Amino acid sequence: MVEDIKENYWRRSQEITTHALKNSKLKPIQTNLNYLNHTDGITFEIRSIANKNFKFPSKRIIGPSLNPFIPWEKDLEIATITDKHMLILNKFPVESGHMLLITKSWVPQNGWLDISDFESLKIVDHDTTGLWFFNSCKKSGASQSHRHIQLLRRAVNTKICPLESWYDINSNYKIGSVKLNQNICTLPRDYYNKDAQALY
């Protein structure tokens, strides 16, 4: 991990969370937390929605659906990252400080990530790091069609995800599945490389 992590974005996210909860601008999803111990000694967190009847609020819309990111809610704004990206809080967080890196103008979620996405991601990641993930479309879990990359903050020197050590050991390793071996591989990450091109 990088030693010079400042976590300014994380601290700002916590300040905004406090105000947004008081003003009912955040709608946290209540979950039950269970643990699953794998035979390899890996422990997974399993979260299930506590309210089985929970549904994301929706309005009956005739025509194109509303885009919650144009404009984004100012009450959830953490920081301007570049001229192309904003960092905001997720309105429906599962854990505190769940952040979204969104494009300021319309870019489709199901399009390819480009170098500008990674330039902005690197800026945030060098200050506040954690588990970054991208659901590329509705079928993979994206609730919005506007480009957004998600960040669940993890403290420095803690595991980003249960399989982190597996990924470290198996860098440059293809997943052992006939279906997946042409689509998924793991690559080592140089945390000290400041160039977004390396991630891209």
N, C-alpha and C. Protein backbone atom coordinates (compact mmCIF):
# COMPACT_ATOMS: atom_id res chain seq x y z
N MET A 1 0.82 -1.20 0.00
CA MET A 1 0.00 0.00 0.00
C MET A 1 0.86 1.25 0.00
N VAL A 2 0.30 2.31 -0.51
CA VAL A 2 1.00 3.58 -0.53
C VAL A 2 1.06 4.14 0.89
N GLU A 3 2.22 4.67 1.26
CA GLU A 3 2.40 5.19 2.62
C GLU A 3 1.86 6.60 2.81
N ASP A 4 1.70 7.36 1.71
CA ASP A 4 1.33 8.77 1.85
C ASP A 4 -0.17 9.02 1.71
N ILE A 5 -0.99 8.02 2.05
CA ILE A 5 -2.44 8.17 2.00
C ILE A 5 -2.88 9.20 3.04
N LYS A 6 -3.63 10.21 2.60
CA LYS A 6 -4.08 11.29 3.50
C LYS A 6 -5.52 11.10 3.96
N GLU A 7 -6.34 10.48 3.12
CA GLU A 7 -7.76 10.21 3.39
C GLU A 7 -8.60 11.47 3.56
N ASN A 8 -8.26 12.53 2.84
CA ASN A 8 -9.08 13.74 2.87
C ASN A 8 -10.48 13.48 2.32
N TYR A 9 -10.57 12.70 1.24
CA TYR A 9 -11.88 12.40 0.66
C TYR A 9 -12.72 11.57 1.63
N TRP A 10 -12.07 10.65 2.33
CA TRP A 10 -12.79 9.82 3.31
C TRP A 10 -13.34 10.68 4.44
N ARG A 11 -12.51 11.57 4.98
CA ARG A 11 -12.97 12.43 6.07
C ARG A 11 -14.12 13.33 5.59
N ARG A 12 -13.98 13.86 4.38
CA ARG A 12 -15.04 14.70 3.82
C ARG A 12 -16.32 13.88 3.65
N SER A 13 -16.19 12.64 3.21
CA SER A 13 -17.38 11.79 3.03
C SER A 13 -18.11 11.58 4.35
N GLN A 14 -17.35 11.47 5.44
CA GLN A 14 -17.97 11.27 6.74
C GLN A 14 -18.69 12.53 7.23
N GLU A 15 -18.11 13.70 6.96
CA GLU A 15 -18.76 14.96 7.32
C GLU A 15 -20.07 15.12 6.55
N ILE A 16 -20.02 14.84 5.26
CA ILE A 16 -21.21 14.97 4.42
C ILE A 16 -22.26 13.94 4.82
N THR A 17 -21.82 12.73 5.16
CA THR A 17 -22.75 11.68 5.60
C THR A 17 -23.54 12.14 6.82
N THR A 18 -22.86 12.73 7.79
CA THR A 18 -23.52 13.21 9.01
C THR A 18 -24.63 14.21 8.66
N HIS A 19 -24.32 15.20 7.81
CA HIS A 19 -25.31 16.21 7.43
C HIS A 19 -26.42 15.60 6.57
N ALA A 20 -26.04 14.73 5.64
CA ALA A 20 -27.02 14.14 4.71
C ALA A 20 -28.01 13.24 5.45
N LEU A 21 -27.54 12.54 6.48
CA LEU A 21 -28.46 11.71 7.28
C LEU A 21 -29.44 12.58 8.05
N LYS A 22 -28.94 13.68 8.62
CA LYS A 22 -29.82 14.60 9.37
C LYS A 22 -30.89 15.20 8.46
N ASN A 23 -30.53 15.46 7.20
CA ASN A 23 -31.45 16.08 6.24
C ASN A 23 -32.20 15.07 5.39
N SER A 24 -32.07 13.78 5.73
CA SER A 24 -32.74 12.70 4.99
C SER A 24 -32.36 12.65 3.51
N LYS A 25 -31.14 13.08 3.18
CA LYS A 25 -30.67 13.03 1.80
C LYS A 25 -30.05 11.67 1.47
N LEU A 26 -29.62 10.95 2.50
CA LEU A 26 -29.09 9.59 2.32
C LEU A 26 -30.16 8.59 2.71
N LYS A 27 -30.20 7.47 2.00
CA LYS A 27 -31.15 6.41 2.29
C LYS A 27 -30.39 5.09 2.45
N PRO A 28 -29.70 4.92 3.59
CA PRO A 28 -28.90 3.70 3.78
C PRO A 28 -29.75 2.44 3.66
N ILE A 29 -29.18 1.42 3.05
CA ILE A 29 -29.86 0.13 2.93
C ILE A 29 -29.45 -0.71 4.14
N GLN A 30 -30.42 -1.06 4.97
CA GLN A 30 -30.13 -1.86 6.17
C GLN A 30 -29.89 -3.31 5.75
N THR A 31 -28.79 -3.87 6.23
CA THR A 31 -28.44 -5.24 5.85
C THR A 31 -28.15 -6.10 7.07
N ASN A 32 -28.30 -7.40 6.88
CA ASN A 32 -27.85 -8.38 7.86
C ASN A 32 -26.46 -8.83 7.43
N LEU A 33 -25.53 -8.90 8.37
CA LEU A 33 -24.16 -9.28 8.05
C LEU A 33 -23.87 -10.67 8.61
N ASN A 34 -23.45 -11.56 7.72
CA ASN A 34 -23.04 -12.91 8.11
C ASN A 34 -21.67 -13.17 7.53
N TYR A 35 -21.02 -14.19 8.05
CA TYR A 35 -19.67 -14.54 7.58
C TYR A 35 -19.68 -15.98 7.08
N LEU A 36 -18.96 -16.18 6.00
CA LEU A 36 -18.82 -17.51 5.42
C LEU A 36 -17.34 -17.86 5.41
N ASN A 37 -16.99 -18.92 6.12
CA ASN A 37 -15.60 -19.37 6.17
C ASN A 37 -15.36 -20.39 5.08
N HIS A 38 -14.40 -20.10 4.21
CA HIS A 38 -14.06 -20.97 3.10
C HIS A 38 -12.99 -21.97 3.56
N THR A 39 -12.89 -23.08 2.87
CA THR A 39 -11.93 -24.12 3.26
C THR A 39 -10.49 -23.64 3.18
N ASP A 40 -10.20 -22.61 2.38
CA ASP A 40 -8.84 -22.09 2.26
C ASP A 40 -8.49 -21.10 3.36
N GLY A 41 -9.36 -20.97 4.37
CA GLY A 41 -9.10 -20.03 5.45
C GLY A 41 -9.52 -18.61 5.12
N ILE A 42 -10.25 -18.43 4.04
CA ILE A 42 -10.72 -17.12 3.63
C ILE A 42 -12.11 -16.90 4.21
N THR A 43 -12.33 -15.73 4.83
CA THR A 43 -13.64 -15.40 5.39
C THR A 43 -14.31 -14.34 4.53
N PHE A 44 -15.51 -14.66 4.04
CA PHE A 44 -16.28 -13.74 3.22
C PHE A 44 -17.37 -13.08 4.05
N GLU A 45 -17.61 -11.78 3.78
CA GLU A 45 -18.75 -11.08 4.37
C GLU A 45 -19.94 -11.27 3.44
N ILE A 46 -21.04 -11.73 3.99
CA ILE A 46 -22.26 -11.89 3.20
C ILE A 46 -23.31 -10.92 3.75
N ARG A 47 -23.71 -9.98 2.93
CA ARG A 47 -24.73 -9.01 3.35
C ARG A 47 -26.03 -9.30 2.61
N SER A 48 -27.11 -9.36 3.36
CA SER A 48 -28.43 -9.52 2.74
C SER A 48 -29.30 -8.37 3.21
N ILE A 49 -30.19 -7.93 2.35
CA ILE A 49 -31.06 -6.80 2.69
C ILE A 49 -31.99 -7.23 3.82
N ALA A 50 -32.00 -6.44 4.90
CA ALA A 50 -32.79 -6.78 6.08
C ALA A 50 -34.28 -6.73 5.79
N ASN A 51 -34.70 -5.73 5.03
CA ASN A 51 -36.11 -5.59 4.68
C ASN A 51 -36.35 -6.28 3.35
N LYS A 52 -36.98 -7.44 3.38
CA LYS A 52 -37.18 -8.24 2.17
C LYS A 52 -38.06 -7.52 1.15
N ASN A 53 -38.83 -6.53 1.60
CA ASN A 53 -39.72 -5.80 0.68
C ASN A 53 -39.08 -4.53 0.14
N PHE A 54 -37.76 -4.33 0.45
CA PHE A 54 -37.09 -3.10 0.01
C PHE A 54 -37.01 -3.03 -1.52
N LYS A 55 -37.36 -1.86 -2.04
CA LYS A 55 -37.19 -1.60 -3.47
C LYS A 55 -36.67 -0.19 -3.60
N PHE A 56 -35.77 0.03 -4.56
CA PHE A 56 -35.30 1.39 -4.81
C PHE A 56 -36.50 2.23 -5.21
N PRO A 57 -36.59 3.45 -4.65
CA PRO A 57 -37.71 4.31 -5.01
C PRO A 57 -37.75 4.54 -6.52
N SER A 58 -38.91 4.47 -7.08
CA SER A 58 -39.04 4.73 -8.51
C SER A 58 -40.33 5.51 -8.76
N LYS A 59 -40.31 6.29 -9.80
CA LYS A 59 -41.50 7.04 -10.19
C LYS A 59 -41.94 6.48 -11.53
N ARG A 60 -43.22 6.49 -11.74
CA ARG A 60 -43.70 6.06 -13.05
C ARG A 60 -43.30 7.11 -14.07
N ILE A 61 -42.50 6.70 -15.03
CA ILE A 61 -41.98 7.64 -16.02
C ILE A 61 -42.37 7.17 -17.41
N ILE A 62 -42.91 8.08 -18.19
CA ILE A 62 -43.20 7.76 -19.58
C ILE A 62 -42.14 8.48 -20.40
N GLY A 63 -41.38 7.73 -21.16
CA GLY A 63 -40.26 8.30 -21.91
C GLY A 63 -38.95 7.94 -21.23
N PRO A 64 -37.88 8.67 -21.55
CA PRO A 64 -36.57 8.35 -20.98
C PRO A 64 -36.58 8.44 -19.46
N SER A 65 -35.85 7.55 -18.81
CA SER A 65 -35.80 7.57 -17.34
C SER A 65 -34.98 8.77 -16.86
N LEU A 66 -35.24 9.19 -15.63
CA LEU A 66 -34.52 10.31 -15.05
C LEU A 66 -33.09 9.93 -14.77
N ASN A 67 -32.19 10.87 -14.94
CA ASN A 67 -30.77 10.63 -14.65
C ASN A 67 -30.45 11.34 -13.32
N PRO A 68 -30.14 10.58 -12.25
CA PRO A 68 -29.89 11.22 -10.95
C PRO A 68 -28.53 11.93 -10.86
N PHE A 69 -27.71 11.80 -11.90
CA PHE A 69 -26.39 12.42 -11.88
C PHE A 69 -26.31 13.70 -12.72
N ILE A 70 -27.36 14.02 -13.45
CA ILE A 70 -27.40 15.29 -14.20
C ILE A 70 -28.69 15.99 -13.84
N PRO A 71 -28.68 16.88 -12.87
CA PRO A 71 -27.50 17.17 -12.04
C PRO A 71 -27.41 16.19 -10.87
N TRP A 72 -26.22 16.05 -10.31
CA TRP A 72 -26.07 15.25 -9.09
C TRP A 72 -26.56 16.08 -7.91
N GLU A 73 -26.89 15.41 -6.81
CA GLU A 73 -27.37 16.12 -5.63
C GLU A 73 -26.21 16.83 -4.94
N LYS A 74 -26.30 18.13 -4.83
CA LYS A 74 -25.23 18.93 -4.23
C LYS A 74 -24.98 18.53 -2.77
N ASP A 75 -26.04 18.06 -2.10
CA ASP A 75 -25.88 17.64 -0.70
C ASP A 75 -25.01 16.39 -0.56
N LEU A 76 -24.77 15.68 -1.65
CA LEU A 76 -23.97 14.45 -1.62
C LEU A 76 -22.59 14.66 -2.24
N GLU A 77 -22.28 15.87 -2.65
CA GLU A 77 -21.03 16.17 -3.35
C GLU A 77 -19.84 16.16 -2.39
N ILE A 78 -18.81 15.40 -2.74
CA ILE A 78 -17.59 15.34 -1.93
C ILE A 78 -16.53 16.27 -2.52
N ALA A 79 -16.25 16.13 -3.83
CA ALA A 79 -15.21 16.96 -4.44
C ALA A 79 -15.26 16.87 -5.95
N THR A 80 -14.82 17.96 -6.60
CA THR A 80 -14.55 17.93 -8.03
C THR A 80 -13.18 17.28 -8.20
N ILE A 81 -13.09 16.26 -9.03
CA ILE A 81 -11.82 15.55 -9.20
C ILE A 81 -11.06 16.08 -10.41
N THR A 82 -11.71 16.15 -11.54
CA THR A 82 -11.12 16.74 -12.75
C THR A 82 -12.24 17.51 -13.45
N ASP A 83 -11.95 18.05 -14.62
CA ASP A 83 -13.02 18.73 -15.37
C ASP A 83 -14.05 17.74 -15.89
N LYS A 84 -13.76 16.44 -15.80
CA LYS A 84 -14.69 15.43 -16.31
C LYS A 84 -15.38 14.61 -15.22
N HIS A 85 -14.86 14.62 -13.98
CA HIS A 85 -15.39 13.74 -12.94
C HIS A 85 -15.67 14.44 -11.62
N MET A 86 -16.71 13.93 -10.93
CA MET A 86 -17.07 14.37 -9.58
C MET A 86 -17.04 13.14 -8.67
N LEU A 87 -16.76 13.38 -7.39
CA LEU A 87 -16.85 12.34 -6.38
C LEU A 87 -18.03 12.69 -5.49
N ILE A 88 -18.99 11.78 -5.39
CA ILE A 88 -20.19 12.01 -4.58
C ILE A 88 -20.45 10.79 -3.70
N LEU A 89 -21.34 10.97 -2.73
CA LEU A 89 -21.78 9.84 -1.92
C LEU A 89 -22.84 9.05 -2.67
N ASN A 90 -22.85 7.75 -2.46
CA ASN A 90 -23.93 6.92 -2.96
C ASN A 90 -25.17 7.21 -2.12
N LYS A 91 -26.27 7.55 -2.75
CA LYS A 91 -27.51 7.88 -2.03
C LYS A 91 -28.06 6.68 -1.26
N PHE A 92 -27.76 5.46 -1.74
CA PHE A 92 -28.27 4.24 -1.12
C PHE A 92 -27.09 3.37 -0.65
N PRO A 93 -26.34 3.84 0.36
CA PRO A 93 -25.14 3.10 0.76
C PRO A 93 -25.45 1.85 1.57
N VAL A 94 -24.59 0.86 1.42
CA VAL A 94 -24.65 -0.34 2.26
C VAL A 94 -23.71 -0.16 3.44
N GLU A 95 -22.66 0.63 3.24
CA GLU A 95 -21.75 0.97 4.34
C GLU A 95 -21.42 2.45 4.27
N SER A 96 -20.98 3.00 5.40
CA SER A 96 -20.72 4.43 5.50
C SER A 96 -19.61 4.87 4.54
N GLY A 97 -19.83 6.03 3.91
CA GLY A 97 -18.81 6.59 3.02
C GLY A 97 -18.70 5.90 1.69
N HIS A 98 -19.75 5.22 1.26
CA HIS A 98 -19.79 4.56 -0.05
C HIS A 98 -19.79 5.65 -1.13
N MET A 99 -18.71 5.73 -1.90
CA MET A 99 -18.51 6.83 -2.85
C MET A 99 -18.72 6.40 -4.29
N LEU A 100 -19.11 7.38 -5.10
CA LEU A 100 -19.26 7.18 -6.54
C LEU A 100 -18.42 8.21 -7.27
N LEU A 101 -17.62 7.73 -8.20
CA LEU A 101 -16.88 8.61 -9.11
C LEU A 101 -17.70 8.67 -10.39
N ILE A 102 -18.33 9.83 -10.64
CA ILE A 102 -19.25 9.94 -11.78
C ILE A 102 -18.68 10.91 -12.82
N THR A 103 -19.12 10.73 -14.05
CA THR A 103 -18.76 11.69 -15.09
C THR A 103 -19.71 12.88 -14.99
N LYS A 104 -19.19 14.07 -15.21
CA LYS A 104 -20.01 15.29 -15.10
C LYS A 104 -21.03 15.37 -16.23
N SER A 105 -20.67 14.88 -17.39
CA SER A 105 -21.61 14.86 -18.50
C SER A 105 -21.94 13.40 -18.82
N TRP A 106 -22.94 13.21 -19.64
CA TRP A 106 -23.42 11.86 -19.95
C TRP A 106 -22.36 11.01 -20.64
N VAL A 107 -22.08 9.87 -20.03
CA VAL A 107 -21.25 8.82 -20.63
C VAL A 107 -21.95 7.52 -20.25
N PRO A 108 -22.18 6.62 -21.19
CA PRO A 108 -22.93 5.41 -20.87
C PRO A 108 -22.16 4.46 -19.95
N GLN A 109 -22.88 3.86 -19.02
CA GLN A 109 -22.28 2.89 -18.09
C GLN A 109 -21.80 1.65 -18.84
N ASN A 110 -22.49 1.29 -19.91
CA ASN A 110 -22.12 0.06 -20.62
C ASN A 110 -21.08 0.29 -21.72
N GLY A 111 -20.43 1.48 -21.71
CA GLY A 111 -19.34 1.72 -22.66
C GLY A 111 -18.00 1.37 -22.02
N TRP A 112 -16.96 1.41 -22.82
CA TRP A 112 -15.62 1.11 -22.31
C TRP A 112 -15.12 2.23 -21.40
N LEU A 113 -14.48 1.86 -20.29
CA LEU A 113 -13.79 2.85 -19.47
C LEU A 113 -12.66 3.44 -20.31
N ASP A 114 -12.40 4.74 -20.15
CA ASP A 114 -11.32 5.34 -20.92
C ASP A 114 -10.25 5.91 -20.00
N ILE A 115 -9.21 6.46 -20.57
CA ILE A 115 -8.06 6.93 -19.80
C ILE A 115 -8.47 8.02 -18.80
N SER A 116 -9.46 8.85 -19.16
CA SER A 116 -9.88 9.92 -18.23
C SER A 116 -10.51 9.33 -16.97
N ASP A 117 -11.21 8.20 -17.10
CA ASP A 117 -11.77 7.54 -15.92
C ASP A 117 -10.66 7.11 -14.97
N PHE A 118 -9.60 6.57 -15.54
CA PHE A 118 -8.50 6.09 -14.71
C PHE A 118 -7.65 7.24 -14.15
N GLU A 119 -7.57 8.34 -14.90
CA GLU A 119 -6.85 9.51 -14.37
C GLU A 119 -7.55 10.03 -13.11
N SER A 120 -8.87 10.10 -13.16
CA SER A 120 -9.63 10.55 -12.00
C SER A 120 -9.59 9.54 -10.87
N LEU A 121 -9.70 8.26 -11.22
CA LEU A 121 -9.64 7.20 -10.22
C LEU A 121 -8.31 7.26 -9.45
N LYS A 122 -7.21 7.46 -10.18
CA LYS A 122 -5.89 7.51 -9.53
C LYS A 122 -5.79 8.68 -8.55
N ILE A 123 -6.39 9.82 -8.91
CA ILE A 123 -6.35 10.98 -8.01
C ILE A 123 -7.01 10.63 -6.68
N VAL A 124 -8.20 10.03 -6.76
CA VAL A 124 -8.91 9.66 -5.53
C VAL A 124 -8.15 8.57 -4.79
N ASP A 125 -7.69 7.57 -5.52
CA ASP A 125 -7.05 6.40 -4.90
C ASP A 125 -5.76 6.75 -4.18
N HIS A 126 -5.06 7.79 -4.63
CA HIS A 126 -3.83 8.19 -3.95
C HIS A 126 -4.11 8.97 -2.68
N ASP A 127 -5.37 9.34 -2.48
CA ASP A 127 -5.76 10.00 -1.23
C ASP A 127 -6.55 9.05 -0.33
N THR A 128 -7.52 8.38 -0.91
CA THR A 128 -8.41 7.47 -0.18
C THR A 128 -8.55 6.20 -1.00
N THR A 129 -8.11 5.09 -0.44
CA THR A 129 -8.09 3.85 -1.22
C THR A 129 -9.11 2.85 -0.68
N GLY A 130 -9.27 1.76 -1.40
CA GLY A 130 -10.22 0.74 -0.98
C GLY A 130 -10.56 -0.18 -2.13
N LEU A 131 -11.76 -0.71 -2.09
CA LEU A 131 -12.24 -1.61 -3.13
C LEU A 131 -12.98 -0.80 -4.18
N TRP A 132 -12.38 -0.72 -5.36
CA TRP A 132 -13.02 -0.06 -6.50
C TRP A 132 -13.76 -1.11 -7.31
N PHE A 133 -14.97 -0.80 -7.76
CA PHE A 133 -15.65 -1.74 -8.65
C PHE A 133 -16.55 -1.00 -9.62
N PHE A 134 -16.80 -1.68 -10.74
CA PHE A 134 -17.55 -1.08 -11.84
C PHE A 134 -18.52 -2.12 -12.38
N ASN A 135 -19.82 -1.85 -12.21
CA ASN A 135 -20.85 -2.70 -12.81
C ASN A 135 -21.14 -2.12 -14.19
N SER A 136 -20.82 -2.88 -15.23
CA SER A 136 -20.83 -2.30 -16.57
C SER A 136 -22.22 -2.13 -17.19
N CYS A 137 -23.23 -2.76 -16.61
CA CYS A 137 -24.58 -2.62 -17.16
C CYS A 137 -25.59 -3.14 -16.14
N LYS A 138 -26.85 -3.06 -16.49
CA LYS A 138 -27.91 -3.49 -15.57
C LYS A 138 -27.77 -4.96 -15.19
N LYS A 139 -27.40 -5.81 -16.16
CA LYS A 139 -27.27 -7.24 -15.88
C LYS A 139 -26.16 -7.54 -14.88
N SER A 140 -25.16 -6.66 -14.81
CA SER A 140 -24.07 -6.88 -13.85
C SER A 140 -24.28 -6.10 -12.55
N GLY A 141 -25.46 -5.49 -12.39
CA GLY A 141 -25.79 -4.85 -11.13
C GLY A 141 -25.85 -3.34 -11.14
N ALA A 142 -25.62 -2.71 -12.29
CA ALA A 142 -25.67 -1.25 -12.34
C ALA A 142 -27.11 -0.77 -12.21
N SER A 143 -27.34 0.14 -11.26
CA SER A 143 -28.70 0.67 -11.07
C SER A 143 -28.93 1.92 -11.92
N GLN A 144 -27.85 2.50 -12.46
CA GLN A 144 -27.95 3.71 -13.27
C GLN A 144 -27.18 3.51 -14.58
N SER A 145 -27.68 4.12 -15.64
CA SER A 145 -27.03 3.96 -16.94
C SER A 145 -25.97 5.02 -17.20
N HIS A 146 -25.83 5.99 -16.27
CA HIS A 146 -24.80 7.04 -16.37
C HIS A 146 -23.51 6.52 -15.74
N ARG A 147 -22.36 6.78 -16.37
CA ARG A 147 -21.06 6.26 -15.93
C ARG A 147 -20.79 6.57 -14.46
N HIS A 148 -20.57 5.53 -13.65
CA HIS A 148 -20.18 5.69 -12.25
C HIS A 148 -19.33 4.49 -11.83
N ILE A 149 -18.24 4.80 -11.17
CA ILE A 149 -17.34 3.78 -10.62
C ILE A 149 -17.44 3.90 -9.10
N GLN A 150 -17.55 2.78 -8.42
CA GLN A 150 -17.82 2.81 -6.99
C GLN A 150 -16.58 2.53 -6.15
N LEU A 151 -16.54 3.15 -4.97
CA LEU A 151 -15.43 2.97 -4.03
C LEU A 151 -15.96 2.68 -2.64
N LEU A 152 -15.56 1.55 -2.08
CA LEU A 152 -15.78 1.24 -0.68
C LEU A 152 -14.43 1.39 0.01
N ARG A 153 -14.31 2.41 0.84
CA ARG A 153 -13.03 2.72 1.47
C ARG A 153 -12.59 1.58 2.39
N ARG A 154 -11.30 1.29 2.34
CA ARG A 154 -10.66 0.34 3.25
C ARG A 154 -9.46 1.03 3.86
N ALA A 155 -9.26 0.86 5.16
CA ALA A 155 -8.12 1.47 5.84
C ALA A 155 -6.82 0.90 5.28
N VAL A 156 -5.78 1.72 5.28
CA VAL A 156 -4.47 1.27 4.81
C VAL A 156 -4.04 0.07 5.66
N ASN A 157 -3.40 -0.89 5.02
CA ASN A 157 -2.90 -2.12 5.66
C ASN A 157 -4.00 -3.05 6.13
N THR A 158 -5.21 -2.90 5.57
CA THR A 158 -6.25 -3.90 5.78
C THR A 158 -6.59 -4.49 4.42
N LYS A 159 -7.19 -5.67 4.41
CA LYS A 159 -7.53 -6.32 3.15
C LYS A 159 -8.60 -5.53 2.42
N ILE A 160 -8.40 -5.35 1.13
CA ILE A 160 -9.39 -4.66 0.30
C ILE A 160 -10.59 -5.59 0.09
N CYS A 161 -10.31 -6.88 -0.07
CA CYS A 161 -11.38 -7.88 -0.21
C CYS A 161 -10.82 -9.21 0.30
N PRO A 162 -11.68 -10.17 0.64
CA PRO A 162 -11.20 -11.44 1.18
C PRO A 162 -10.20 -12.17 0.30
N LEU A 163 -10.31 -12.00 -1.02
CA LEU A 163 -9.42 -12.72 -1.94
C LEU A 163 -8.15 -11.95 -2.29
N GLU A 164 -7.87 -10.86 -1.58
CA GLU A 164 -6.71 -10.04 -1.92
C GLU A 164 -5.41 -10.86 -1.95
N SER A 165 -5.19 -11.69 -0.94
CA SER A 165 -3.95 -12.48 -0.91
C SER A 165 -3.94 -13.49 -2.05
N TRP A 166 -5.11 -14.02 -2.41
CA TRP A 166 -5.18 -14.96 -3.54
C TRP A 166 -4.77 -14.26 -4.82
N TYR A 167 -5.27 -13.04 -5.02
CA TYR A 167 -4.90 -12.28 -6.22
C TYR A 167 -3.40 -11.96 -6.23
N ASP A 168 -2.84 -11.61 -5.07
CA ASP A 168 -1.41 -11.31 -4.99
C ASP A 168 -0.57 -12.52 -5.37
N ILE A 169 -0.96 -13.68 -4.88
CA ILE A 169 -0.21 -14.91 -5.16
C ILE A 169 -0.36 -15.32 -6.62
N ASN A 170 -1.55 -15.10 -7.17
CA ASN A 170 -1.86 -15.58 -8.51
C ASN A 170 -1.83 -14.48 -9.58
N SER A 171 -0.99 -13.47 -9.38
CA SER A 171 -0.84 -12.44 -10.41
C SER A 171 -0.45 -13.08 -11.73
N ASN A 172 -0.95 -12.54 -12.81
CA ASN A 172 -0.70 -13.09 -14.15
C ASN A 172 -1.26 -14.49 -14.31
N TYR A 173 -2.26 -14.81 -13.51
CA TYR A 173 -2.85 -16.15 -13.53
C TYR A 173 -4.22 -16.10 -14.16
N LYS A 174 -4.48 -17.00 -15.09
CA LYS A 174 -5.80 -17.07 -15.71
C LYS A 174 -6.72 -17.90 -14.83
N ILE A 175 -7.97 -17.48 -14.71
CA ILE A 175 -8.96 -18.21 -13.93
C ILE A 175 -9.13 -19.59 -14.55
N GLY A 176 -9.14 -20.62 -13.72
CA GLY A 176 -9.20 -21.99 -14.21
C GLY A 176 -10.61 -22.44 -14.55
N SER A 177 -11.23 -21.82 -15.52
CA SER A 177 -12.58 -22.19 -15.93
C SER A 177 -12.66 -22.12 -17.44
N VAL A 178 -13.23 -23.15 -18.03
CA VAL A 178 -13.34 -23.18 -19.49
C VAL A 178 -14.14 -21.97 -19.97
N LYS A 179 -15.22 -21.61 -19.24
CA LYS A 179 -16.05 -20.48 -19.64
C LYS A 179 -15.34 -19.15 -19.46
N LEU A 180 -14.58 -19.01 -18.37
CA LEU A 180 -14.04 -17.71 -18.01
C LEU A 180 -12.58 -17.47 -18.40
N ASN A 181 -11.84 -18.53 -18.73
CA ASN A 181 -10.39 -18.36 -18.89
C ASN A 181 -9.99 -17.44 -20.04
N GLN A 182 -10.90 -17.16 -20.96
CA GLN A 182 -10.58 -16.21 -22.03
C GLN A 182 -11.03 -14.80 -21.70
N ASN A 183 -11.70 -14.64 -20.56
CA ASN A 183 -12.29 -13.33 -20.23
C ASN A 183 -11.74 -12.70 -18.96
N ILE A 184 -11.20 -13.49 -18.06
CA ILE A 184 -10.77 -12.96 -16.76
C ILE A 184 -9.32 -13.37 -16.49
N CYS A 185 -8.53 -12.42 -16.09
CA CYS A 185 -7.20 -12.73 -15.59
C CYS A 185 -6.84 -11.72 -14.52
N THR A 186 -5.90 -12.06 -13.67
CA THR A 186 -5.46 -11.13 -12.63
C THR A 186 -4.08 -10.62 -13.00
N LEU A 187 -3.87 -9.35 -12.72
CA LEU A 187 -2.59 -8.72 -13.00
C LEU A 187 -2.10 -7.98 -11.76
N PRO A 188 -0.79 -7.97 -11.54
CA PRO A 188 -0.29 -7.23 -10.37
C PRO A 188 -0.46 -5.73 -10.57
N ARG A 189 -0.63 -5.01 -9.47
CA ARG A 189 -0.76 -3.56 -9.53
C ARG A 189 0.42 -2.92 -8.83
N ASP A 190 1.02 -1.96 -9.49
CA ASP A 190 2.11 -1.20 -8.90
C ASP A 190 1.52 0.04 -8.23
N TYR A 191 1.36 -0.01 -6.91
CA TYR A 191 0.72 1.09 -6.18
C TYR A 191 1.53 2.38 -6.23
N TYR A 192 2.81 2.26 -6.54
CA TYR A 192 3.66 3.45 -6.57
C TYR A 192 3.72 4.10 -7.93
N ASN A 193 3.10 3.45 -8.92
CA ASN A 193 3.08 4.02 -10.27
C ASN A 193 1.98 5.07 -10.32
N LYS A 194 2.35 6.32 -10.51
CA LYS A 194 1.38 7.42 -10.50
C LYS A 194 0.70 7.60 -11.85
N ASP A 195 1.11 6.84 -12.84
CA ASP A 195 0.60 7.00 -14.19
C ASP A 195 -0.71 6.24 -14.36
N ALA A 196 -1.78 6.95 -14.75
CA ALA A 196 -3.08 6.32 -14.97
C ALA A 196 -3.03 5.31 -16.10
N GLN A 197 -2.08 5.48 -17.01
CA GLN A 197 -1.95 4.57 -18.15
C GLN A 197 -1.71 3.13 -17.68
N ALA A 198 -1.02 2.97 -16.57
CA ALA A 198 -0.73 1.63 -16.04
C ALA A 198 -2.03 0.90 -15.68
N LEU A 199 -2.97 1.62 -15.07
CA LEU A 199 -4.27 1.00 -14.76
C LEU A 199 -5.11 0.80 -16.01
N TYR A 200 -5.04 1.79 -16.89
CA TYR A 200 -5.85 1.71 -18.13
C TYR A 200 -5.44 0.49 -18.94
